[in-house]
Amino acid sequence: MLAIGLRTRHGETGGAQIYLINPQGGEAQPLTAPGAPVQSFEWSPDSRYVAFQTVDYNAARINLADIEKGDVIPIKVPDIANAR
């Protein structure tokens, strides 16, 4: 499985999204939903997960997608901007 990031034209879906595609062929399947643009993504070393960062309403979020199950799990991260 390959993950590719695609940036759409402004206004269509709100920025870059991640799609998965089988290198043997087939159509690209969306991993992320429109509305929260993806800033970056990375595969786990075992290729079972894709971690990605989104930004919506000026809030950054980190998510972990289980490729086999299709689940997207939000990861809680301390608010560094307000930490003292």
N, C-alpha and C. Protein backbone atom coordinates (compact mmCIF):
# COMPACT_ATOMS: atom_id res chain seq x y z
N MET A 1 0.85 -1.17 0.00
CA MET A 1 0.00 0.00 0.00
C MET A 1 0.89 1.23 0.00
N LEU A 2 0.52 2.22 -0.75
CA LEU A 2 1.22 3.50 -0.79
C LEU A 2 0.31 4.59 -0.27
N ALA A 3 0.87 5.56 0.42
CA ALA A 3 0.10 6.74 0.84
C ALA A 3 0.63 7.92 0.04
N ILE A 4 -0.29 8.68 -0.51
CA ILE A 4 0.11 9.87 -1.25
C ILE A 4 -0.67 11.06 -0.72
N GLY A 5 -0.03 12.20 -0.68
CA GLY A 5 -0.69 13.43 -0.28
C GLY A 5 -1.01 14.24 -1.52
N LEU A 6 -2.23 14.65 -1.65
CA LEU A 6 -2.65 15.45 -2.81
C LEU A 6 -3.21 16.77 -2.34
N ARG A 7 -2.79 17.83 -2.98
CA ARG A 7 -3.34 19.15 -2.68
C ARG A 7 -4.37 19.47 -3.75
N THR A 8 -5.56 19.83 -3.30
CA THR A 8 -6.63 20.18 -4.22
C THR A 8 -6.61 21.67 -4.47
N ARG A 9 -7.33 22.09 -5.48
CA ARG A 9 -7.45 23.52 -5.75
C ARG A 9 -8.18 24.18 -4.59
N HIS A 10 -7.78 25.39 -4.28
CA HIS A 10 -8.37 26.13 -3.16
C HIS A 10 -9.89 26.14 -3.27
N GLY A 11 -10.55 25.82 -2.18
CA GLY A 11 -12.01 25.88 -2.15
C GLY A 11 -12.70 24.57 -2.40
N GLU A 12 -12.02 23.58 -3.00
CA GLU A 12 -12.70 22.31 -3.27
C GLU A 12 -12.86 21.47 -2.01
N THR A 13 -11.76 21.18 -1.34
CA THR A 13 -11.84 20.39 -0.11
C THR A 13 -11.05 21.02 1.03
N GLY A 14 -10.48 22.17 0.81
CA GLY A 14 -9.79 22.84 1.90
C GLY A 14 -8.34 22.47 2.07
N GLY A 15 -7.67 21.92 1.08
CA GLY A 15 -6.24 21.67 1.18
C GLY A 15 -5.86 20.24 0.88
N ALA A 16 -4.68 19.84 1.39
CA ALA A 16 -4.12 18.52 1.10
C ALA A 16 -4.85 17.43 1.87
N GLN A 17 -4.97 16.28 1.25
CA GLN A 17 -5.57 15.10 1.86
C GLN A 17 -4.67 13.90 1.58
N ILE A 18 -4.85 12.80 2.32
CA ILE A 18 -4.06 11.59 2.11
C ILE A 18 -4.95 10.54 1.46
N TYR A 19 -4.41 9.89 0.43
CA TYR A 19 -5.09 8.80 -0.25
C TYR A 19 -4.20 7.57 -0.20
N LEU A 20 -4.80 6.39 -0.11
CA LEU A 20 -4.07 5.13 -0.15
C LEU A 20 -4.32 4.47 -1.49
N ILE A 21 -3.27 3.88 -2.04
CA ILE A 21 -3.42 3.17 -3.31
C ILE A 21 -2.55 1.92 -3.30
N ASN A 22 -3.08 0.84 -3.82
CA ASN A 22 -2.35 -0.41 -3.94
C ASN A 22 -1.41 -0.31 -5.13
N PRO A 23 -0.11 -0.59 -4.95
CA PRO A 23 0.82 -0.49 -6.08
C PRO A 23 0.52 -1.48 -7.20
N GLN A 24 -0.27 -2.52 -6.90
CA GLN A 24 -0.65 -3.50 -7.92
C GLN A 24 -1.77 -2.99 -8.82
N GLY A 25 -2.37 -1.87 -8.44
CA GLY A 25 -3.44 -1.29 -9.25
C GLY A 25 -4.67 -1.01 -8.42
N GLY A 26 -5.61 -0.32 -9.01
CA GLY A 26 -6.84 0.03 -8.33
C GLY A 26 -6.95 1.53 -8.14
N GLU A 27 -8.09 1.94 -7.60
CA GLU A 27 -8.34 3.36 -7.39
C GLU A 27 -7.80 3.82 -6.04
N ALA A 28 -7.41 5.06 -5.98
CA ALA A 28 -6.96 5.66 -4.73
C ALA A 28 -8.16 5.81 -3.80
N GLN A 29 -7.99 5.42 -2.54
CA GLN A 29 -9.04 5.53 -1.53
C GLN A 29 -8.66 6.61 -0.52
N PRO A 30 -9.58 7.52 -0.20
CA PRO A 30 -9.23 8.58 0.76
C PRO A 30 -9.03 8.03 2.17
N LEU A 31 -7.97 8.47 2.81
CA LEU A 31 -7.72 8.12 4.21
C LEU A 31 -8.21 9.23 5.12
N THR A 32 -8.12 10.46 4.65
CA THR A 32 -8.55 11.62 5.43
C THR A 32 -9.78 12.24 4.79
N ALA A 33 -10.48 13.02 5.59
CA ALA A 33 -11.72 13.65 5.12
C ALA A 33 -11.47 15.12 4.81
N PRO A 34 -12.20 15.65 3.84
CA PRO A 34 -12.07 17.08 3.53
C PRO A 34 -12.46 17.93 4.75
N GLY A 35 -11.91 19.11 4.82
CA GLY A 35 -12.28 20.03 5.89
C GLY A 35 -11.18 20.28 6.89
N ALA A 36 -10.25 19.34 7.03
CA ALA A 36 -9.11 19.51 7.93
C ALA A 36 -7.85 19.21 7.12
N PRO A 37 -7.23 20.22 6.53
CA PRO A 37 -6.07 20.01 5.66
C PRO A 37 -4.93 19.28 6.37
N VAL A 38 -4.35 18.32 5.68
CA VAL A 38 -3.22 17.57 6.21
C VAL A 38 -1.94 18.38 5.99
N GLN A 39 -1.17 18.56 7.05
CA GLN A 39 0.09 19.30 6.97
C GLN A 39 1.26 18.37 6.68
N SER A 40 1.25 17.17 7.26
CA SER A 40 2.34 16.21 7.05
C SER A 40 1.85 14.83 7.45
N PHE A 41 2.55 13.79 6.95
CA PHE A 41 2.21 12.42 7.35
C PHE A 41 3.44 11.54 7.25
N GLU A 42 3.40 10.41 7.96
CA GLU A 42 4.53 9.48 7.99
C GLU A 42 4.02 8.08 8.29
N TRP A 43 4.58 7.07 7.60
CA TRP A 43 4.26 5.67 7.87
C TRP A 43 4.97 5.21 9.13
N SER A 44 4.36 4.28 9.87
CA SER A 44 5.05 3.64 11.00
C SER A 44 6.09 2.67 10.42
N PRO A 45 7.13 2.32 11.19
CA PRO A 45 8.15 1.40 10.68
C PRO A 45 7.59 0.06 10.21
N ASP A 46 6.50 -0.42 10.81
CA ASP A 46 5.93 -1.71 10.41
C ASP A 46 4.86 -1.58 9.31
N SER A 47 4.64 -0.37 8.82
CA SER A 47 3.67 -0.07 7.74
C SER A 47 2.22 -0.39 8.10
N ARG A 48 1.90 -0.47 9.37
CA ARG A 48 0.52 -0.74 9.79
C ARG A 48 -0.26 0.54 10.04
N TYR A 49 0.44 1.65 10.25
CA TYR A 49 -0.21 2.90 10.61
C TYR A 49 0.36 4.06 9.79
N VAL A 50 -0.46 5.09 9.66
CA VAL A 50 0.00 6.37 9.12
C VAL A 50 -0.34 7.43 10.16
N ALA A 51 0.69 8.14 10.62
CA ALA A 51 0.47 9.27 11.52
C ALA A 51 0.39 10.52 10.67
N PHE A 52 -0.56 11.40 11.00
CA PHE A 52 -0.67 12.63 10.22
C PHE A 52 -1.14 13.78 11.09
N GLN A 53 -0.75 14.98 10.66
CA GLN A 53 -1.12 16.20 11.37
C GLN A 53 -2.11 16.98 10.51
N THR A 54 -3.18 17.45 11.15
CA THR A 54 -4.15 18.30 10.47
C THR A 54 -4.27 19.62 11.23
N VAL A 55 -4.74 20.62 10.53
CA VAL A 55 -4.99 21.92 11.15
C VAL A 55 -6.38 22.36 10.74
N ASP A 56 -7.24 22.59 11.74
CA ASP A 56 -8.57 23.12 11.46
C ASP A 56 -8.92 24.15 12.52
N TYR A 57 -9.49 25.24 12.10
CA TYR A 57 -9.85 26.33 13.01
C TYR A 57 -8.67 26.73 13.89
N ASN A 58 -7.48 26.79 13.29
CA ASN A 58 -6.24 27.20 13.95
C ASN A 58 -5.79 26.25 15.05
N ALA A 59 -6.30 25.04 15.09
CA ALA A 59 -5.87 24.04 16.07
C ALA A 59 -5.20 22.88 15.33
N ALA A 60 -3.98 22.55 15.74
CA ALA A 60 -3.27 21.42 15.16
C ALA A 60 -3.67 20.15 15.88
N ARG A 61 -3.82 19.08 15.13
CA ARG A 61 -4.19 17.79 15.71
C ARG A 61 -3.29 16.71 15.10
N ILE A 62 -2.95 15.71 15.91
CA ILE A 62 -2.19 14.56 15.44
C ILE A 62 -3.11 13.35 15.50
N ASN A 63 -3.10 12.57 14.42
CA ASN A 63 -3.96 11.39 14.31
C ASN A 63 -3.14 10.19 13.89
N LEU A 64 -3.63 9.01 14.23
CA LEU A 64 -2.99 7.77 13.85
C LEU A 64 -4.03 6.91 13.14
N ALA A 65 -3.77 6.55 11.89
CA ALA A 65 -4.70 5.74 11.12
C ALA A 65 -4.22 4.30 11.08
N ASP A 66 -5.08 3.38 11.50
CA ASP A 66 -4.82 1.94 11.41
C ASP A 66 -5.23 1.52 10.00
N ILE A 67 -4.28 1.20 9.16
CA ILE A 67 -4.55 0.94 7.75
C ILE A 67 -5.40 -0.31 7.57
N GLU A 68 -5.15 -1.36 8.32
CA GLU A 68 -5.90 -2.61 8.18
C GLU A 68 -7.36 -2.45 8.61
N LYS A 69 -7.59 -1.80 9.75
CA LYS A 69 -8.95 -1.64 10.28
C LYS A 69 -9.68 -0.44 9.69
N GLY A 70 -8.93 0.55 9.21
CA GLY A 70 -9.56 1.76 8.68
C GLY A 70 -9.93 2.77 9.75
N ASP A 71 -9.49 2.54 10.99
CA ASP A 71 -9.80 3.45 12.09
C ASP A 71 -8.81 4.61 12.13
N VAL A 72 -9.29 5.80 12.47
CA VAL A 72 -8.43 6.96 12.70
C VAL A 72 -8.57 7.34 14.17
N ILE A 73 -7.44 7.34 14.86
CA ILE A 73 -7.41 7.58 16.30
C ILE A 73 -6.76 8.94 16.57
N PRO A 74 -7.47 9.88 17.21
CA PRO A 74 -6.83 11.14 17.57
C PRO A 74 -5.86 10.93 18.73
N ILE A 75 -4.70 11.54 18.64
CA ILE A 75 -3.68 11.44 19.68
C ILE A 75 -3.72 12.72 20.50
N LYS A 76 -3.84 12.58 21.81
CA LYS A 76 -3.87 13.76 22.69
C LYS A 76 -2.44 14.25 22.90
N VAL A 77 -2.26 15.54 22.66
CA VAL A 77 -0.96 16.18 22.82
C VAL A 77 -1.14 17.38 23.74
N PRO A 78 -0.26 17.55 24.73
CA PRO A 78 -0.39 18.71 25.61
C PRO A 78 -0.33 20.00 24.80
N ASP A 79 -1.02 21.01 25.28
CA ASP A 79 -1.03 22.32 24.63
C ASP A 79 0.28 23.03 24.97
N ILE A 80 1.24 22.92 24.09
CA ILE A 80 2.57 23.47 24.35
C ILE A 80 2.52 24.99 24.47
N ALA A 81 1.66 25.62 23.69
CA ALA A 81 1.59 27.09 23.70
C ALA A 81 1.20 27.62 25.07
N ASN A 82 0.41 26.86 25.84
CA ASN A 82 -0.03 27.33 27.15
C ASN A 82 0.74 26.70 28.31
N ALA A 83 1.72 25.85 28.00
CA ALA A 83 2.50 25.21 29.06
C ALA A 83 3.47 26.22 29.66
N ARG A 84 3.68 26.09 30.95
CA ARG A 84 4.64 26.99 31.64
C ARG A 84 5.60 26.17 32.45
